[in-house]
Amino acid sequence: MKKIGLIAGNGTFPIVFARAARQKGLEVIAVAHEGETTPDLEQWVDALFWIKVGQLGQLIAILKEQDVRDVLMAGGIRKTRMFGEAEFDSRGKALFARMAQKKDDSILRAVAEELESEGISVRESTLYLDSILASGGVLTREKPSDDEWEDIAFGRQMAEAIGALDIGQTVVVKDRAVLAVEAIEGTDEAIRRGGRLCGSGAVVVKACKPQQDVRFDLPAVGTQTIQSMVEVNAACLAVEAGKTILLDREAVIAAADKAGISIVGVEK
């Protein structure tokens, strides 16, 4: 049986991948992060090992001991952990210290390079999961208003701009004004911050970075995204079709329909 390694972060994405991989007949060896990864992952994998955020040397040692030659990253790590909460081992500390910039892509690419220097290939995060990418068009009963369509177009331009700078993937807009830009706090906090500023009717736009490495950090939305929008009476979520992971698709759409929120997959 072929092995696949899973570097697991938070959220449901690691479980979604593990289920799909095992259905394909693969043996899944997962390395999870304490304080991030759900323990429920254990029932969906063949072996589960735990490390702390920053323990790059330990990660590589586990994968090599388990004879894992191919690996992918699924699920996020709260970026705030990198500042004060990470427990770097010597290899992680050395990598972080020699990085000129601590941007998302820079960190992930650097980790991937370390893995590949040890003969471990980093595969795309949607391996076996093409069906979870958002399709184009309006996905919900509710459709965007004319004003919201204009905000979507405006928001996409802004999202591409911040993406090119590797700041984040999400912007919150209303009436062609930027209310919030996602930075280290993550998507949900950006939604709450921007939504509070306008009271109601915010449009959330999430897009792939122009220089996105499809092996990791593709934009992802799930039921928590909708919950964050509900908290601030946001009106619309626009994502990039074919390049955004839509976790628990039916549950996400059902939650949006219940709240009167529209979801749109925008095609380039």
C-alpha atoms as a PDB file:
ATOM      1  CA  MET A   1       0.000   0.000   0.000  1.00  0.00           C
ATOM      2  CA  LYS A   2       1.361   3.429  -0.911  1.00  0.00           C
ATOM      3  CA  LYS A   3       1.929   5.897   1.912  1.00  0.00           C
ATOM      4  CA  ILE A   4       1.017   9.567   1.948  1.00  0.00           C
ATOM      5  CA  GLY A   5       2.103  11.943   4.672  1.00  0.00           C
ATOM      6  CA  LEU A   6      -0.299  14.530   6.061  1.00  0.00           C
ATOM      7  CA  ILE A   7       1.014  17.627   7.844  1.00  0.00           C
ATOM      8  CA  ALA A   8      -2.176  18.595   9.651  1.00  0.00           C
ATOM      9  CA  GLY A   9      -3.220  22.018  10.832  1.00  0.00           C
ATOM     10  CA  ASN A  10      -6.547  23.141  12.240  1.00  0.00           C
ATOM     11  CA  GLY A  11     -10.088  22.862  10.882  1.00  0.00           C
ATOM     12  CA  THR A  12     -11.793  19.994   9.080  1.00  0.00           C
ATOM     13  CA  PHE A  13      -9.590  19.965   5.981  1.00  0.00           C
ATOM     14  CA  PRO A  14      -7.140  17.337   7.344  1.00  0.00           C
ATOM     15  CA  ILE A  15     -10.023  14.944   8.018  1.00  0.00           C
ATOM     16  CA  VAL A  16     -11.554  15.574   4.589  1.00  0.00           C
ATOM     17  CA  PHE A  17      -8.247  14.724   2.949  1.00  0.00           C
ATOM     18  CA  ALA A  18      -7.553  11.686   5.150  1.00  0.00           C
ATOM     19  CA  ARG A  19     -10.940  10.173   4.320  1.00  0.00           C
ATOM     20  CA  ALA A  20     -10.432  10.686   0.595  1.00  0.00           C
ATOM     21  CA  ALA A  21      -6.892   9.275   0.642  1.00  0.00           C
ATOM     22  CA  ARG A  22      -7.914   6.142   2.518  1.00  0.00           C
ATOM     23  CA  GLN A  23     -10.800   5.631   0.100  1.00  0.00           C
ATOM     24  CA  LYS A  24      -8.128   5.594  -2.617  1.00  0.00           C
ATOM     25  CA  GLY A  25      -6.365   2.807  -0.736  1.00  0.00           C
ATOM     26  CA  LEU A  26      -3.506   4.892   0.653  1.00  0.00           C
ATOM     27  CA  GLU A  27      -1.932   4.550   4.081  1.00  0.00           C
ATOM     28  CA  VAL A  28      -2.135   7.961   5.750  1.00  0.00           C
ATOM     29  CA  ILE A  29       0.641   8.961   8.159  1.00  0.00           C
ATOM     30  CA  ALA A  30      -0.340  12.207   9.888  1.00  0.00           C
ATOM     31  CA  VAL A  31       1.754  14.663  11.856  1.00  0.00           C
ATOM     32  CA  ALA A  32      -0.511  16.945  13.888  1.00  0.00           C
ATOM     33  CA  HIS A  33       0.168  20.185  15.760  1.00  0.00           C
ATOM     34  CA  GLU A  34      -0.640  20.505  19.453  1.00  0.00           C
ATOM     35  CA  GLY A  35      -3.237  23.176  20.130  1.00  0.00           C
ATOM     36  CA  GLU A  36      -4.254  23.323  16.459  1.00  0.00           C
ATOM     37  CA  THR A  37      -5.227  19.932  15.062  1.00  0.00           C
ATOM     38  CA  THR A  38      -8.398  18.219  16.251  1.00  0.00           C
ATOM     39  CA  PRO A  39      -7.769  14.881  18.018  1.00  0.00           C
ATOM     40  CA  ASP A  40     -10.684  13.497  15.954  1.00  0.00           C
ATOM     41  CA  LEU A  41      -8.218  13.120  13.087  1.00  0.00           C
ATOM     42  CA  GLU A  42      -6.876   9.972  14.736  1.00  0.00           C
ATOM     43  CA  GLN A  43      -9.844   7.850  13.658  1.00  0.00           C
ATOM     44  CA  TRP A  44      -9.272   8.718   9.982  1.00  0.00           C
ATOM     45  CA  VAL A  45      -5.545   7.984   9.673  1.00  0.00           C
ATOM     46  CA  ASP A  46      -3.313   4.925   9.984  1.00  0.00           C
ATOM     47  CA  ALA A  47      -0.814   6.592  12.304  1.00  0.00           C
ATOM     48  CA  LEU A  48      -0.848   9.935  14.125  1.00  0.00           C
ATOM     49  CA  PHE A  49       2.130  11.762  15.626  1.00  0.00           C
ATOM     50  CA  TRP A  50       2.016  15.028  17.557  1.00  0.00           C
ATOM     51  CA  ILE A  51       4.508  17.904  17.445  1.00  0.00           C
ATOM     52  CA  LYS A  52       4.516  21.505  18.589  1.00  0.00           C
ATOM     53  CA  VAL A  53       4.424  24.405  16.129  1.00  0.00           C
ATOM     54  CA  GLY A  54       8.019  25.160  15.154  1.00  0.00           C
ATOM     55  CA  GLN A  55       9.402  21.639  15.574  1.00  0.00           C
ATOM     56  CA  LEU A  56      10.617  21.263  12.007  1.00  0.00           C
ATOM     57  CA  GLY A  57      13.397  18.838  12.849  1.00  0.00           C
ATOM     58  CA  GLN A  58      10.944  16.579  14.678  1.00  0.00           C
ATOM     59  CA  LEU A  59       8.535  16.737  11.742  1.00  0.00           C
ATOM     60  CA  ILE A  60      11.212  15.631   9.294  1.00  0.00           C
ATOM     61  CA  ALA A  61      12.455  12.900  11.638  1.00  0.00           C
ATOM     62  CA  ILE A  62       8.954  11.402  11.939  1.00  0.00           C
ATOM     63  CA  LEU A  63       8.359  11.416   8.183  1.00  0.00           C
ATOM     64  CA  LYS A  64      11.723   9.775   7.506  1.00  0.00           C
ATOM     65  CA  GLU A  65      11.248   7.176  10.251  1.00  0.00           C
ATOM     66  CA  GLN A  66       7.867   6.304   8.710  1.00  0.00           C
ATOM     67  CA  ASP A  67       9.441   6.107   5.225  1.00  0.00           C
ATOM     68  CA  VAL A  68       7.117   8.805   3.881  1.00  0.00           C
ATOM     69  CA  ARG A  69       8.233  10.093   0.479  1.00  0.00           C
ATOM     70  CA  ASP A  70       5.185  12.217  -0.428  1.00  0.00           C
ATOM     71  CA  VAL A  71       3.445  14.662   1.881  1.00  0.00           C
ATOM     72  CA  LEU A  72       0.911  17.456   1.765  1.00  0.00           C
ATOM     73  CA  MET A  73      -0.183  20.235   4.081  1.00  0.00           C
ATOM     74  CA  ALA A  74      -3.860  20.521   5.016  1.00  0.00           C
ATOM     75  CA  GLY A  75      -5.408  22.953   7.482  1.00  0.00           C
ATOM     76  CA  GLY A  76      -4.053  26.191   8.838  1.00  0.00           C
ATOM     77  CA  ILE A  77      -1.851  27.199  11.731  1.00  0.00           C
ATOM     78  CA  ARG A  78      -2.829  30.365  13.554  1.00  0.00           C
ATOM     79  CA  LYS A  79      -0.178  32.833  12.486  1.00  0.00           C
ATOM     80  CA  THR A  80      -0.069  34.390  15.953  1.00  0.00           C
ATOM     81  CA  ARG A  81       1.543  31.152  17.165  1.00  0.00           C
ATOM     82  CA  MET A  82       4.681  32.071  15.259  1.00  0.00           C
ATOM     83  CA  PHE A  83       5.179  35.008  17.599  1.00  0.00           C
ATOM     84  CA  GLY A  84       5.519  33.915  21.193  1.00  0.00           C
ATOM     85  CA  GLU A  85       3.713  30.565  21.180  1.00  0.00           C
ATOM     86  CA  ALA A  86       5.857  28.459  18.844  1.00  0.00           C
ATOM     87  CA  GLU A  87       8.354  26.067  20.446  1.00  0.00           C
ATOM     88  CA  PHE A  88      11.101  25.936  17.832  1.00  0.00           C
ATOM     89  CA  ASP A  89      13.558  23.073  17.802  1.00  0.00           C
ATOM     90  CA  SER A  90      17.060  23.764  16.494  1.00  0.00           C
ATOM     91  CA  ARG A  91      16.132  23.197  12.838  1.00  0.00           C
ATOM     92  CA  GLY A  92      12.969  25.286  13.040  1.00  0.00           C
ATOM     93  CA  LYS A  93      14.807  28.072  14.852  1.00  0.00           C
ATOM     94  CA  ALA A  94      17.578  28.116  12.239  1.00  0.00           C
ATOM     95  CA  LEU A  95      15.093  28.261   9.362  1.00  0.00           C
ATOM     96  CA  PHE A  96      13.065  31.064  10.946  1.00  0.00           C
ATOM     97  CA  ALA A  97      16.171  33.071  11.801  1.00  0.00           C
ATOM     98  CA  ARG A  98      17.584  33.057   8.283  1.00  0.00           C
ATOM     99  CA  MET A  99      14.344  34.138   6.628  1.00  0.00           C
ATOM    100  CA  ALA A 100      14.478  37.785   5.521  1.00  0.00           C
ATOM    101  CA  GLN A 101      10.683  38.005   5.508  1.00  0.00           C
ATOM    102  CA  LYS A 102       8.100  36.161   7.591  1.00  0.00           C
ATOM    103  CA  LYS A 103       5.262  36.255   5.051  1.00  0.00           C
ATOM    104  CA  ASP A 104       2.891  33.304   4.672  1.00  0.00           C
ATOM    105  CA  ASP A 105       4.245  32.112   1.334  1.00  0.00           C
ATOM    106  CA  SER A 106       7.831  32.691   2.432  1.00  0.00           C
ATOM    107  CA  ILE A 107       7.402  30.473   5.494  1.00  0.00           C
ATOM    108  CA  LEU A 108       5.567  27.709   3.661  1.00  0.00           C
ATOM    109  CA  ARG A 109       7.963  27.677   0.728  1.00  0.00           C
ATOM    110  CA  ALA A 110      10.906  27.534   3.107  1.00  0.00           C
ATOM    111  CA  VAL A 111       9.396  24.578   4.983  1.00  0.00           C
ATOM    112  CA  ALA A 112       8.680  22.838   1.663  1.00  0.00           C
ATOM    113  CA  GLU A 113      12.291  23.355   0.578  1.00  0.00           C
ATOM    114  CA  GLU A 114      13.532  21.822   3.832  1.00  0.00           C
ATOM    115  CA  LEU A 115      11.308  18.792   3.318  1.00  0.00           C
ATOM    116  CA  GLU A 116      12.351  18.352  -0.291  1.00  0.00           C
ATOM    117  CA  SER A 117      16.029  18.649   0.663  1.00  0.00           C
ATOM    118  CA  GLU A 118      15.418  15.458   2.647  1.00  0.00           C
ATOM    119  CA  GLY A 119      13.838  13.644  -0.310  1.00  0.00           C
ATOM    120  CA  ILE A 120      10.241  14.294   0.771  1.00  0.00           C
ATOM    121  CA  SER A 121       8.074  15.650  -2.067  1.00  0.00           C
ATOM    122  CA  VAL A 122       5.417  18.221  -1.156  1.00  0.00           C
ATOM    123  CA  ARG A 123       2.223  17.581  -3.115  1.00  0.00           C
ATOM    124  CA  GLU A 124      -0.716  19.879  -3.850  1.00  0.00           C
ATOM    125  CA  SER A 125      -3.180  20.237  -0.974  1.00  0.00           C
ATOM    126  CA  THR A 126      -6.154  19.270  -3.159  1.00  0.00           C
ATOM    127  CA  LEU A 127      -4.702  15.877  -4.103  1.00  0.00           C
ATOM    128  CA  TYR A 128      -7.712  13.521  -4.607  1.00  0.00           C
ATOM    129  CA  LEU A 129     -10.028  16.417  -3.726  1.00  0.00           C
ATOM    130  CA  ASP A 130     -10.812  18.349  -6.916  1.00  0.00           C
ATOM    131  CA  SER A 131     -14.516  18.169  -6.042  1.00  0.00           C
ATOM    132  CA  ILE A 132     -14.110  20.411  -2.983  1.00  0.00           C
ATOM    133  CA  LEU A 133     -13.051  23.430  -5.015  1.00  0.00           C
ATOM    134  CA  ALA A 134     -15.762  26.101  -5.322  1.00  0.00           C
ATOM    135  CA  SER A 135     -17.626  26.093  -8.618  1.00  0.00           C
ATOM    136  CA  GLY A 136     -18.517  29.236 -10.545  1.00  0.00           C
ATOM    137  CA  GLY A 137     -21.766  31.180 -10.242  1.00  0.00           C
ATOM    138  CA  VAL A 138     -24.191  31.890  -7.412  1.00  0.00           C
ATOM    139  CA  LEU A 139     -24.162  28.918  -5.038  1.00  0.00           C
ATOM    140  CA  THR A 140     -26.992  29.973  -2.708  1.00  0.00           C
ATOM    141  CA  ARG A 141     -30.681  30.852  -2.945  1.00  0.00           C
ATOM    142  CA  GLU A 142     -29.872  34.474  -2.173  1.00  0.00           C
ATOM    143  CA  LYS A 143     -28.273  36.414  -5.026  1.00  0.00           C
ATOM    144  CA  PRO A 144     -26.098  39.520  -4.681  1.00  0.00           C
ATOM    145  CA  SER A 145     -27.776  42.864  -5.270  1.00  0.00           C
ATOM    146  CA  ASP A 146     -26.493  45.182  -8.009  1.00  0.00           C
ATOM    147  CA  ASP A 147     -24.529  47.143  -5.392  1.00  0.00           C
ATOM    148  CA  GLU A 148     -23.044  43.948  -3.996  1.00  0.00           C
ATOM    149  CA  TRP A 149     -21.908  42.865  -7.466  1.00  0.00           C
ATOM    150  CA  GLU A 150     -20.069  46.159  -7.747  1.00  0.00           C
ATOM    151  CA  ASP A 151     -18.500  45.558  -4.345  1.00  0.00           C
ATOM    152  CA  ILE A 152     -17.447  42.070  -5.454  1.00  0.00           C
ATOM    153  CA  ALA A 153     -15.654  43.481  -8.508  1.00  0.00           C
ATOM    154  CA  PHE A 154     -14.005  46.162  -6.375  1.00  0.00           C
ATOM    155  CA  GLY A 155     -13.120  43.672  -3.655  1.00  0.00           C
ATOM    156  CA  ARG A 156     -11.452  41.322  -6.125  1.00  0.00           C
ATOM    157  CA  GLN A 157      -9.134  44.107  -7.244  1.00  0.00           C
ATOM    158  CA  MET A 158      -8.242  44.858  -3.637  1.00  0.00           C
ATOM    159  CA  ALA A 159      -7.789  41.177  -2.750  1.00  0.00           C
ATOM    160  CA  GLU A 160      -5.428  40.675  -5.674  1.00  0.00           C
ATOM    161  CA  ALA A 161      -3.443  43.727  -4.567  1.00  0.00           C
ATOM    162  CA  ILE A 162      -2.952  42.534  -0.978  1.00  0.00           C
ATOM    163  CA  GLY A 163      -2.328  39.021  -2.268  1.00  0.00           C
ATOM    164  CA  ALA A 164       0.487  40.253  -4.495  1.00  0.00           C
ATOM    165  CA  LEU A 165       2.089  41.708  -1.357  1.00  0.00           C
ATOM    166  CA  ASP A 166       1.507  38.391   0.491  1.00  0.00           C
ATOM    167  CA  ILE A 167      -0.420  40.169   3.251  1.00  0.00           C
ATOM    168  CA  GLY A 168      -3.558  38.025   3.158  1.00  0.00           C
ATOM    169  CA  GLN A 169      -6.308  36.646   0.951  1.00  0.00           C
ATOM    170  CA  THR A 170      -9.419  38.377   2.262  1.00  0.00           C
ATOM    171  CA  VAL A 171     -10.852  41.869   2.147  1.00  0.00           C
ATOM    172  CA  VAL A 172     -14.107  43.176   3.607  1.00  0.00           C
ATOM    173  CA  VAL A 173     -15.748  45.976   1.620  1.00  0.00           C
ATOM    174  CA  LYS A 174     -18.933  48.011   1.338  1.00  0.00           C
ATOM    175  CA  ASP A 175     -19.903  50.766  -1.084  1.00  0.00           C
ATOM    176  CA  ARG A 176     -16.533  50.397  -2.817  1.00  0.00           C
ATOM    177  CA  ALA A 177     -14.622  51.155   0.376  1.00  0.00           C
ATOM    178  CA  VAL A 178     -12.216  48.775   2.104  1.00  0.00           C
ATOM    179  CA  LEU A 179     -13.310  48.083   5.687  1.00  0.00           C
ATOM    180  CA  ALA A 180     -10.736  45.451   6.613  1.00  0.00           C
ATOM    181  CA  VAL A 181      -7.764  43.651   5.132  1.00  0.00           C
ATOM    182  CA  GLU A 182      -6.809  40.214   6.414  1.00  0.00           C
ATOM    183  CA  ALA A 183      -3.396  40.132   8.027  1.00  0.00           C
ATOM    184  CA  ILE A 184      -1.938  37.916  10.731  1.00  0.00           C
ATOM    185  CA  GLU A 185      -5.232  37.666  12.661  1.00  0.00           C
ATOM    186  CA  GLY A 186      -6.864  35.481   9.981  1.00  0.00           C
ATOM    187  CA  THR A 187     -10.065  35.538   7.966  1.00  0.00           C
ATOM    188  CA  ASP A 188     -12.654  35.322  10.742  1.00  0.00           C
ATOM    189  CA  GLU A 189     -11.237  38.207  12.750  1.00  0.00           C
ATOM    190  CA  ALA A 190     -10.934  40.329   9.596  1.00  0.00           C
ATOM    191  CA  ILE A 191     -14.613  39.654   8.839  1.00  0.00           C
ATOM    192  CA  ARG A 192     -15.663  40.636  12.360  1.00  0.00           C
ATOM    193  CA  ARG A 193     -13.517  43.757  12.370  1.00  0.00           C
ATOM    194  CA  GLY A 194     -14.723  44.971   8.979  1.00  0.00           C
ATOM    195  CA  GLY A 195     -18.325  43.995   9.572  1.00  0.00           C
ATOM    196  CA  ARG A 196     -18.570  45.947  12.812  1.00  0.00           C
ATOM    197  CA  LEU A 197     -17.390  49.097  11.080  1.00  0.00           C
ATOM    198  CA  CYS A 198     -20.300  49.212   8.644  1.00  0.00           C
ATOM    199  CA  GLY A 199     -23.039  47.797  10.860  1.00  0.00           C
ATOM    200  CA  SER A 200     -24.487  45.456   8.238  1.00  0.00           C
ATOM    201  CA  GLY A 201     -24.262  44.530   4.589  1.00  0.00           C
ATOM    202  CA  ALA A 202     -20.522  43.914   4.305  1.00  0.00           C
ATOM    203  CA  VAL A 203     -19.195  41.964   1.327  1.00  0.00           C
ATOM    204  CA  VAL A 204     -16.377  39.497   2.010  1.00  0.00           C
ATOM    205  CA  VAL A 205     -14.063  38.698  -0.891  1.00  0.00           C
ATOM    206  CA  LYS A 206     -11.474  35.918  -0.723  1.00  0.00           C
ATOM    207  CA  ALA A 207      -9.082  35.290  -3.599  1.00  0.00           C
ATOM    208  CA  CYS A 208      -6.001  33.309  -4.502  1.00  0.00           C
ATOM    209  CA  LYS A 209      -2.759  35.264  -4.433  1.00  0.00           C
ATOM    210  CA  PRO A 210      -1.375  35.980  -7.917  1.00  0.00           C
ATOM    211  CA  GLN A 211       1.812  34.096  -7.023  1.00  0.00           C
ATOM    212  CA  GLN A 212      -0.010  31.335  -5.126  1.00  0.00           C
ATOM    213  CA  ASP A 213       1.819  28.033  -4.780  1.00  0.00           C
ATOM    214  CA  VAL A 214      -1.021  25.524  -5.205  1.00  0.00           C
ATOM    215  CA  ARG A 215       0.753  23.022  -2.976  1.00  0.00           C
ATOM    216  CA  PHE A 216      -0.405  24.889   0.096  1.00  0.00           C
ATOM    217  CA  ASP A 217      -2.422  27.754   1.556  1.00  0.00           C
ATOM    218  CA  LEU A 218      -5.173  27.815  -1.050  1.00  0.00           C
ATOM    219  CA  PRO A 219      -8.038  30.029   0.133  1.00  0.00           C
ATOM    220  CA  ALA A 220     -10.522  28.017   2.179  1.00  0.00           C
ATOM    221  CA  VAL A 221     -13.967  28.752   3.607  1.00  0.00           C
ATOM    222  CA  GLY A 222     -16.210  26.685   5.842  1.00  0.00           C
ATOM    223  CA  THR A 223     -19.138  26.941   8.229  1.00  0.00           C
ATOM    224  CA  GLN A 224     -17.059  29.067  10.626  1.00  0.00           C
ATOM    225  CA  THR A 225     -16.655  31.653   7.855  1.00  0.00           C
ATOM    226  CA  ILE A 226     -20.431  31.908   7.568  1.00  0.00           C
ATOM    227  CA  GLN A 227     -20.821  32.084  11.344  1.00  0.00           C
ATOM    228  CA  SER A 228     -18.384  35.000  11.492  1.00  0.00           C
ATOM    229  CA  MET A 229     -20.396  36.767   8.781  1.00  0.00           C
ATOM    230  CA  VAL A 230     -23.649  36.141  10.663  1.00  0.00           C
ATOM    231  CA  GLU A 231     -22.165  37.756  13.787  1.00  0.00           C
ATOM    232  CA  VAL A 232     -21.747  41.077  11.935  1.00  0.00           C
ATOM    233  CA  ASN A 233     -24.735  40.854   9.574  1.00  0.00           C
ATOM    234  CA  ALA A 234     -22.537  40.552   6.483  1.00  0.00           C
ATOM    235  CA  ALA A 235     -24.403  40.074   3.222  1.00  0.00           C
ATOM    236  CA  CYS A 236     -22.241  38.305   0.657  1.00  0.00           C
ATOM    237  CA  LEU A 237     -19.221  36.039   0.310  1.00  0.00           C
ATOM    238  CA  ALA A 238     -17.334  35.968  -2.989  1.00  0.00           C
ATOM    239  CA  VAL A 239     -14.581  33.411  -3.609  1.00  0.00           C
ATOM    240  CA  GLU A 240     -12.423  32.521  -6.574  1.00  0.00           C
ATOM    241  CA  ALA A 241     -13.963  29.612  -8.469  1.00  0.00           C
ATOM    242  CA  GLY A 242     -11.691  26.633  -9.034  1.00  0.00           C
ATOM    243  CA  LYS A 243      -9.080  27.933  -6.585  1.00  0.00           C
ATOM    244  CA  THR A 244     -10.945  28.120  -3.268  1.00  0.00           C
ATOM    245  CA  ILE A 245     -11.504  25.131  -1.001  1.00  0.00           C
ATOM    246  CA  LEU A 246     -15.144  24.889   0.069  1.00  0.00           C
ATOM    247  CA  LEU A 247     -15.178  22.658   3.132  1.00  0.00           C
ATOM    248  CA  ASP A 248     -18.440  20.895   4.031  1.00  0.00           C
ATOM    249  CA  ARG A 249     -20.083  22.389   0.955  1.00  0.00           C
ATOM    250  CA  GLU A 250     -23.664  21.368   1.789  1.00  0.00           C
ATOM    251  CA  ALA A 251     -23.396  22.620   5.382  1.00  0.00           C
ATOM    252  CA  VAL A 252     -21.845  25.918   4.266  1.00  0.00           C
ATOM    253  CA  ILE A 253     -24.564  26.582   1.706  1.00  0.00           C
ATOM    254  CA  ALA A 254     -27.305  25.552   4.156  1.00  0.00           C
ATOM    255  CA  ALA A 255     -25.933  27.933   6.802  1.00  0.00           C
ATOM    256  CA  ALA A 256     -25.716  30.758   4.268  1.00  0.00           C
ATOM    257  CA  ASP A 257     -29.272  30.100   3.032  1.00  0.00           C
ATOM    258  CA  LYS A 258     -30.579  30.157   6.604  1.00  0.00           C
ATOM    259  CA  ALA A 259     -28.872  33.505   7.230  1.00  0.00           C
ATOM    260  CA  GLY A 260     -29.850  35.074   3.899  1.00  0.00           C
ATOM    261  CA  ILE A 261     -26.198  35.334   2.844  1.00  0.00           C
ATOM    262  CA  SER A 262     -25.235  34.942  -0.811  1.00  0.00           C
ATOM    263  CA  ILE A 263     -22.147  32.984  -1.892  1.00  0.00           C
ATOM    264  CA  VAL A 264     -20.628  33.511  -5.321  1.00  0.00           C
ATOM    265  CA  GLY A 265     -17.861  31.633  -7.102  1.00  0.00           C
ATOM    266  CA  VAL A 266     -16.221  34.247  -9.316  1.00  0.00           C
ATOM    267  CA  GLU A 267     -14.390  33.085 -12.429  1.00  0.00           C
ATOM    268  CA  LYS A 268     -11.520  35.048 -13.930  1.00  0.00           C
END
